[in-house]
């Protein structure tokens, strides 16, 4: 999955550079198509970043749910683990 995300990031950067090209101003159709692609790639990357952030938060919260000395904190962390797990399904 990470390989695919890296490919999308590379394509995103390339499209971004193409959109900045002065030649794009002369070709409205190409500009329109690249703009649509750029928006789609951006949305995918934003979702991938959100998923990665949630995974990191889940890992830290799992650790808290088992290692925190405070029982109440462990219970809250356990509930958060359940919530985050549902989000990532």
N, C-alpha and C. Protein backbone atom coordinates (compact mmCIF):
# COMPACT_ATOMS: atom_id res chain seq x y z
N UNK A 1 0.83 -1.20 0.00
CA UNK A 1 0.00 0.00 0.00
C UNK A 1 0.87 1.26 0.00
N UNK A 2 1.95 1.22 0.77
CA UNK A 2 2.82 2.40 0.85
C UNK A 2 3.45 2.70 -0.51
N UNK A 3 3.75 1.63 -1.27
CA UNK A 3 4.32 1.83 -2.60
C UNK A 3 3.34 2.59 -3.49
N UNK A 4 2.07 2.23 -3.41
CA UNK A 4 1.05 2.89 -4.22
C UNK A 4 0.89 4.36 -3.81
N UNK A 5 0.92 4.61 -2.50
CA UNK A 5 0.83 5.99 -2.01
C UNK A 5 2.01 6.81 -2.51
N UNK A 6 3.20 6.21 -2.50
CA UNK A 6 4.39 6.91 -3.01
C UNK A 6 4.24 7.24 -4.49
N UNK A 7 3.67 6.31 -5.26
CA UNK A 7 3.44 6.56 -6.68
C UNK A 7 2.45 7.72 -6.87
N UNK A 8 1.42 7.74 -6.06
CA UNK A 8 0.43 8.81 -6.14
C UNK A 8 1.06 10.15 -5.78
N UNK A 9 1.93 10.15 -4.76
CA UNK A 9 2.62 11.39 -4.37
C UNK A 9 3.50 11.90 -5.50
N UNK A 10 4.18 10.99 -6.17
CA UNK A 10 5.04 11.39 -7.29
C UNK A 10 4.20 11.97 -8.43
N UNK A 11 3.10 11.32 -8.73
CA UNK A 11 2.22 11.82 -9.79
C UNK A 11 1.65 13.19 -9.42
N UNK A 12 1.29 13.35 -8.15
CA UNK A 12 0.75 14.62 -7.65
C UNK A 12 1.76 15.75 -7.86
N UNK A 13 3.01 15.48 -7.53
CA UNK A 13 4.06 16.50 -7.70
C UNK A 13 4.26 16.84 -9.18
N UNK A 14 4.23 15.81 -10.02
CA UNK A 14 4.40 16.03 -11.45
C UNK A 14 3.25 16.86 -12.03
N UNK A 15 2.03 16.51 -11.66
CA UNK A 15 0.86 17.26 -12.14
C UNK A 15 0.92 18.70 -11.64
N UNK A 16 1.36 18.88 -10.41
CA UNK A 16 1.49 20.23 -9.85
C UNK A 16 2.46 21.06 -10.69
N UNK A 17 3.58 20.46 -11.06
CA UNK A 17 4.55 21.17 -11.89
C UNK A 17 3.98 21.47 -13.28
N UNK A 18 3.27 20.51 -13.84
CA UNK A 18 2.67 20.73 -15.16
C UNK A 18 1.65 21.86 -15.12
N UNK A 19 0.89 21.93 -14.04
CA UNK A 19 -0.11 22.99 -13.91
C UNK A 19 0.53 24.38 -13.84
N UNK A 20 1.75 24.44 -13.36
CA UNK A 20 2.45 25.72 -13.23
C UNK A 20 3.13 26.14 -14.53
N UNK A 21 3.13 25.25 -15.49
CA UNK A 21 3.79 25.53 -16.77
C UNK A 21 3.02 26.61 -17.54
N UNK A 22 3.73 27.58 -18.09
CA UNK A 22 3.08 28.62 -18.90
C UNK A 22 2.33 28.03 -20.11
N UNK A 23 2.79 26.89 -20.60
CA UNK A 23 2.15 26.27 -21.75
C UNK A 23 0.71 25.84 -21.43
N UNK A 24 0.44 25.57 -20.18
CA UNK A 24 -0.91 25.16 -19.76
C UNK A 24 -1.94 26.25 -20.02
N UNK A 25 -1.52 27.48 -19.94
CA UNK A 25 -2.46 28.58 -20.16
C UNK A 25 -2.98 28.62 -21.60
N UNK A 26 -2.25 28.01 -22.50
CA UNK A 26 -2.64 28.00 -23.90
C UNK A 26 -3.57 26.83 -24.25
N UNK A 27 -3.63 25.85 -23.36
CA UNK A 27 -4.44 24.66 -23.63
C UNK A 27 -5.46 24.49 -22.51
N UNK A 28 -6.60 25.08 -22.70
CA UNK A 28 -7.65 25.10 -21.66
C UNK A 28 -8.13 23.67 -21.33
N UNK A 29 -8.28 22.85 -22.36
CA UNK A 29 -8.76 21.48 -22.13
C UNK A 29 -7.77 20.69 -21.28
N UNK A 30 -6.49 20.78 -21.60
CA UNK A 30 -5.46 20.08 -20.83
C UNK A 30 -5.41 20.62 -19.40
N UNK A 31 -5.55 21.92 -19.27
CA UNK A 31 -5.56 22.55 -17.95
C UNK A 31 -6.72 22.02 -17.12
N UNK A 32 -7.87 21.92 -17.73
CA UNK A 32 -9.06 21.42 -17.04
C UNK A 32 -8.87 19.96 -16.59
N UNK A 33 -8.35 19.13 -17.49
CA UNK A 33 -8.14 17.72 -17.18
C UNK A 33 -7.10 17.54 -16.07
N UNK A 34 -6.01 18.27 -16.17
CA UNK A 34 -4.98 18.17 -15.13
C UNK A 34 -5.48 18.69 -13.79
N UNK A 35 -6.29 19.72 -13.82
CA UNK A 35 -6.84 20.26 -12.58
C UNK A 35 -7.74 19.24 -11.90
N UNK A 36 -8.53 18.51 -12.68
CA UNK A 36 -9.39 17.46 -12.12
C UNK A 36 -8.54 16.34 -11.52
N UNK A 37 -7.51 15.94 -12.26
CA UNK A 37 -6.62 14.89 -11.76
C UNK A 37 -5.94 15.33 -10.47
N UNK A 38 -5.47 16.56 -10.48
CA UNK A 38 -4.78 17.12 -9.31
C UNK A 38 -5.70 17.08 -8.08
N UNK A 39 -6.95 17.49 -8.26
CA UNK A 39 -7.90 17.50 -7.15
C UNK A 39 -8.15 16.08 -6.64
N UNK A 40 -8.26 15.12 -7.55
CA UNK A 40 -8.47 13.73 -7.14
C UNK A 40 -7.29 13.17 -6.39
N UNK A 41 -6.09 13.44 -6.89
CA UNK A 41 -4.88 12.97 -6.22
C UNK A 41 -4.73 13.59 -4.84
N UNK A 42 -5.06 14.87 -4.76
CA UNK A 42 -4.97 15.57 -3.48
C UNK A 42 -5.91 14.94 -2.46
N UNK A 43 -7.11 14.61 -2.89
CA UNK A 43 -8.09 13.99 -1.98
C UNK A 43 -7.59 12.63 -1.49
N UNK A 44 -7.03 11.85 -2.39
CA UNK A 44 -6.50 10.53 -2.01
C UNK A 44 -5.38 10.69 -0.99
N UNK A 45 -4.46 11.63 -1.23
CA UNK A 45 -3.33 11.82 -0.32
C UNK A 45 -3.78 12.34 1.04
N UNK A 46 -4.79 13.19 1.05
CA UNK A 46 -5.31 13.69 2.33
C UNK A 46 -5.92 12.54 3.13
N UNK A 47 -6.65 11.65 2.46
CA UNK A 47 -7.23 10.50 3.15
C UNK A 47 -6.15 9.55 3.65
N UNK A 48 -5.12 9.35 2.84
CA UNK A 48 -4.01 8.48 3.24
C UNK A 48 -3.32 9.06 4.47
N UNK A 49 -3.13 10.37 4.51
CA UNK A 49 -2.51 11.01 5.67
C UNK A 49 -3.38 10.88 6.91
N UNK A 50 -4.68 11.00 6.73
CA UNK A 50 -5.61 10.84 7.85
C UNK A 50 -5.52 9.43 8.41
N UNK A 51 -5.51 8.44 7.52
CA UNK A 51 -5.41 7.05 7.96
C UNK A 51 -4.10 6.81 8.71
N UNK A 52 -3.02 7.34 8.19
CA UNK A 52 -1.71 7.17 8.85
C UNK A 52 -1.71 7.80 10.24
N UNK A 53 -2.29 8.98 10.35
CA UNK A 53 -2.39 9.66 11.65
C UNK A 53 -3.22 8.84 12.62
N UNK A 54 -4.34 8.30 12.15
CA UNK A 54 -5.20 7.47 13.01
C UNK A 54 -4.46 6.21 13.47
N UNK A 55 -3.69 5.60 12.58
CA UNK A 55 -2.93 4.40 12.95
C UNK A 55 -1.90 4.71 14.04
N UNK A 56 -1.23 5.83 13.91
CA UNK A 56 -0.23 6.22 14.92
C UNK A 56 -0.91 6.50 16.26
N UNK A 57 -2.05 7.19 16.20
CA UNK A 57 -2.80 7.49 17.42
C UNK A 57 -3.29 6.20 18.06
N UNK A 58 -3.74 5.26 17.26
CA UNK A 58 -4.21 3.98 17.77
C UNK A 58 -3.08 3.23 18.47
N UNK A 59 -1.90 3.22 17.89
CA UNK A 59 -0.77 2.53 18.51
C UNK A 59 -0.42 3.15 19.87
N UNK A 60 -0.39 4.47 19.94
CA UNK A 60 -0.09 5.14 21.22
C UNK A 60 -1.18 4.86 22.25
N UNK A 61 -2.42 4.86 21.79
CA UNK A 61 -3.55 4.66 22.70
C UNK A 61 -3.57 3.22 23.21
N UNK A 62 -3.22 2.26 22.36
CA UNK A 62 -3.14 0.87 22.80
C UNK A 62 -2.11 0.73 23.91
N UNK A 63 -1.00 1.41 23.73
CA UNK A 63 0.06 1.38 24.75
C UNK A 63 -0.46 1.95 26.07
N UNK A 64 -1.16 3.06 26.00
CA UNK A 64 -1.73 3.67 27.20
C UNK A 64 -2.73 2.75 27.85
N UNK A 65 -3.52 2.04 27.05
CA UNK A 65 -4.58 1.19 27.59
C UNK A 65 -4.03 0.00 28.38
N UNK A 66 -2.76 -0.31 28.18
CA UNK A 66 -2.19 -1.44 28.93
C UNK A 66 -1.11 -1.02 29.93
N UNK A 67 -0.50 0.14 29.73
CA UNK A 67 0.66 0.48 30.54
C UNK A 67 0.45 1.64 31.51
N UNK A 68 -0.60 2.40 31.35
CA UNK A 68 -0.81 3.54 32.24
C UNK A 68 -1.12 3.05 33.65
N UNK A 69 -0.50 3.64 34.67
CA UNK A 69 -0.74 3.19 36.04
C UNK A 69 -2.15 3.53 36.56
N UNK A 70 -2.79 4.48 35.94
CA UNK A 70 -4.13 4.92 36.38
C UNK A 70 -5.21 4.08 35.68
N UNK A 71 -6.00 3.38 36.49
CA UNK A 71 -7.06 2.52 35.95
C UNK A 71 -8.05 3.29 35.09
N UNK A 72 -8.41 4.48 35.51
CA UNK A 72 -9.37 5.28 34.75
C UNK A 72 -8.80 5.66 33.38
N UNK A 73 -7.53 6.01 33.34
CA UNK A 73 -6.88 6.34 32.06
C UNK A 73 -6.82 5.12 31.15
N UNK A 74 -6.53 3.95 31.73
CA UNK A 74 -6.50 2.72 30.94
C UNK A 74 -7.88 2.45 30.33
N UNK A 75 -8.93 2.66 31.13
CA UNK A 75 -10.29 2.42 30.64
C UNK A 75 -10.64 3.41 29.52
N UNK A 76 -10.31 4.68 29.70
CA UNK A 76 -10.57 5.68 28.66
C UNK A 76 -9.79 5.34 27.38
N UNK A 77 -8.56 4.91 27.56
CA UNK A 77 -7.74 4.55 26.40
C UNK A 77 -8.33 3.33 25.68
N UNK A 78 -8.82 2.38 26.46
CA UNK A 78 -9.44 1.19 25.87
C UNK A 78 -10.65 1.59 25.02
N UNK A 79 -11.47 2.49 25.52
CA UNK A 79 -12.63 2.97 24.77
C UNK A 79 -12.19 3.69 23.49
N UNK A 80 -11.12 4.45 23.61
CA UNK A 80 -10.60 5.17 22.44
C UNK A 80 -10.05 4.18 21.41
N UNK A 81 -9.43 3.10 21.87
CA UNK A 81 -8.92 2.07 20.97
C UNK A 81 -10.08 1.47 20.17
N UNK A 82 -11.17 1.20 20.84
CA UNK A 82 -12.34 0.65 20.16
C UNK A 82 -12.87 1.62 19.11
N UNK A 83 -12.96 2.89 19.48
CA UNK A 83 -13.46 3.91 18.55
C UNK A 83 -12.55 4.05 17.33
N UNK A 84 -11.25 4.11 17.57
CA UNK A 84 -10.30 4.26 16.48
C UNK A 84 -10.29 3.02 15.57
N UNK A 85 -10.42 1.87 16.18
CA UNK A 85 -10.45 0.63 15.40
C UNK A 85 -11.64 0.62 14.45
N UNK A 86 -12.78 1.10 14.93
CA UNK A 86 -13.96 1.20 14.07
C UNK A 86 -13.74 2.17 12.91
N UNK A 87 -13.09 3.27 13.19
CA UNK A 87 -12.81 4.27 12.15
C UNK A 87 -11.91 3.72 11.05
N UNK A 88 -11.00 2.84 11.45
CA UNK A 88 -10.03 2.32 10.49
C UNK A 88 -10.54 1.11 9.71
N UNK A 89 -11.73 0.63 10.04
CA UNK A 89 -12.27 -0.52 9.30
C UNK A 89 -12.79 -0.10 7.96
